[in-house]
Amino acid sequence: MTERYDLIVFKKYKWQGKDRYKPYFVGDAIAAKKPGDFVLDIPKGVSVSGRVIMSPKSDETRNHEDLVTLYMSAADELGI
């Protein structure tokens, strides 16, 4: 079975003086036949810029806090 991924971008905003992040699901991805390559499916009309997180789809519902932690850990790892 081909592993499937969600493509997620985050919008940063302030609420009560603190930075907050809202996830937006912008597409899907699957692994290509060549190891390490992926096929991305971003619907027509969706414009994507900035940092995109590619996270494995799971049968469990991920909560907002888990997604923000994923986003922030990627930022920390890349030093941005």
Protein backbone atom coordinates (compact mmCIF):
# COMPACT_ATOMS: atom_id res chain seq x y z
CA MET A 1 0.00 0.00 0.00
CA THR A 2 1.28 3.45 -0.90
CA GLU A 3 1.93 5.76 2.02
CA ARG A 4 -0.13 8.95 1.84
CA TYR A 5 0.67 12.39 3.25
CA ASP A 6 -1.14 15.62 4.09
CA LEU A 7 0.33 18.92 2.89
CA ILE A 8 -0.15 21.58 5.55
CA VAL A 9 0.72 25.29 5.75
CA PHE A 10 0.31 27.51 8.79
CA LYS A 11 -0.92 31.06 9.14
CA LYS A 12 0.62 32.99 12.03
CA TYR A 13 -1.57 35.43 13.95
CA LYS A 14 -1.64 37.10 17.35
CA TRP A 15 -4.27 36.48 20.02
CA GLN A 16 -4.14 38.17 23.39
CA GLY A 17 -0.57 39.26 22.63
CA LYS A 18 0.71 35.74 21.88
CA ASP A 19 1.69 34.20 18.56
CA ARG A 20 -0.72 31.52 17.38
CA TYR A 21 -0.69 29.27 14.33
CA LYS A 22 -3.65 27.97 12.31
CA PRO A 23 -3.12 24.90 10.08
CA TYR A 24 -4.55 24.76 6.56
CA PHE A 25 -4.60 21.49 4.64
CA VAL A 26 -3.61 22.40 1.08
CA GLY A 27 -3.20 19.04 -0.63
CA ASP A 28 -2.03 15.45 -0.57
CA ALA A 29 1.12 13.55 -1.51
CA ILE A 30 2.06 9.95 -2.22
CA ALA A 31 5.43 8.28 -2.54
CA ALA A 32 6.57 7.86 -6.15
CA LYS A 33 8.10 4.67 -7.53
CA LYS A 34 11.62 6.08 -7.17
CA PRO A 35 12.62 6.04 -3.47
CA GLY A 36 12.75 9.52 -1.98
CA ASP A 37 10.49 11.08 -4.64
CA PHE A 38 6.90 12.18 -4.08
CA VAL A 39 3.91 13.13 -6.18
CA LEU A 40 2.06 16.18 -4.81
CA ASP A 41 -1.60 16.89 -5.53
CA ILE A 42 -2.51 20.52 -4.87
CA PRO A 43 -6.02 21.38 -6.11
CA LYS A 44 -6.44 23.89 -8.92
CA GLY A 45 -6.80 27.43 -7.59
CA VAL A 46 -4.86 26.81 -4.37
CA SER A 47 -1.84 29.11 -4.04
CA VAL A 48 0.86 27.87 -1.68
CA SER A 49 3.87 29.77 -0.41
CA GLY A 50 6.10 29.61 2.64
CA ARG A 51 6.86 26.53 4.70
CA VAL A 52 4.87 23.41 3.78
CA ILE A 53 4.74 20.46 6.17
CA MET A 54 4.30 17.00 4.64
CA SER A 55 2.92 14.76 7.37
CA PRO A 56 1.89 11.10 7.05
CA LYS A 57 -1.86 10.63 7.00
CA SER A 58 -3.13 8.57 9.89
CA ASP A 59 -6.39 6.97 10.82
CA GLU A 60 -6.31 8.90 14.07
CA THR A 61 -7.47 12.49 14.12
CA ARG A 62 -4.56 14.80 14.89
CA ASN A 63 -5.36 17.71 17.11
CA HIS A 64 -4.34 21.31 16.57
CA GLU A 65 -1.62 21.21 19.24
CA ASP A 66 0.09 18.21 17.61
CA LEU A 67 0.19 20.00 14.26
CA VAL A 68 1.60 23.21 15.79
CA THR A 69 4.27 21.16 17.61
CA LEU A 70 5.22 19.54 14.29
CA TYR A 71 5.44 22.98 12.66
CA MET A 72 7.51 24.51 15.45
CA SER A 73 9.91 21.54 15.65
CA ALA A 74 10.59 21.87 11.92
CA ALA A 75 11.32 25.58 12.42
CA ASP A 76 13.68 24.81 15.31
CA GLU A 77 15.48 22.09 13.34
CA LEU A 78 16.03 24.42 10.39
CA GLY A 79 16.96 27.35 12.61
CA ILE A 80 14.21 29.62 11.29
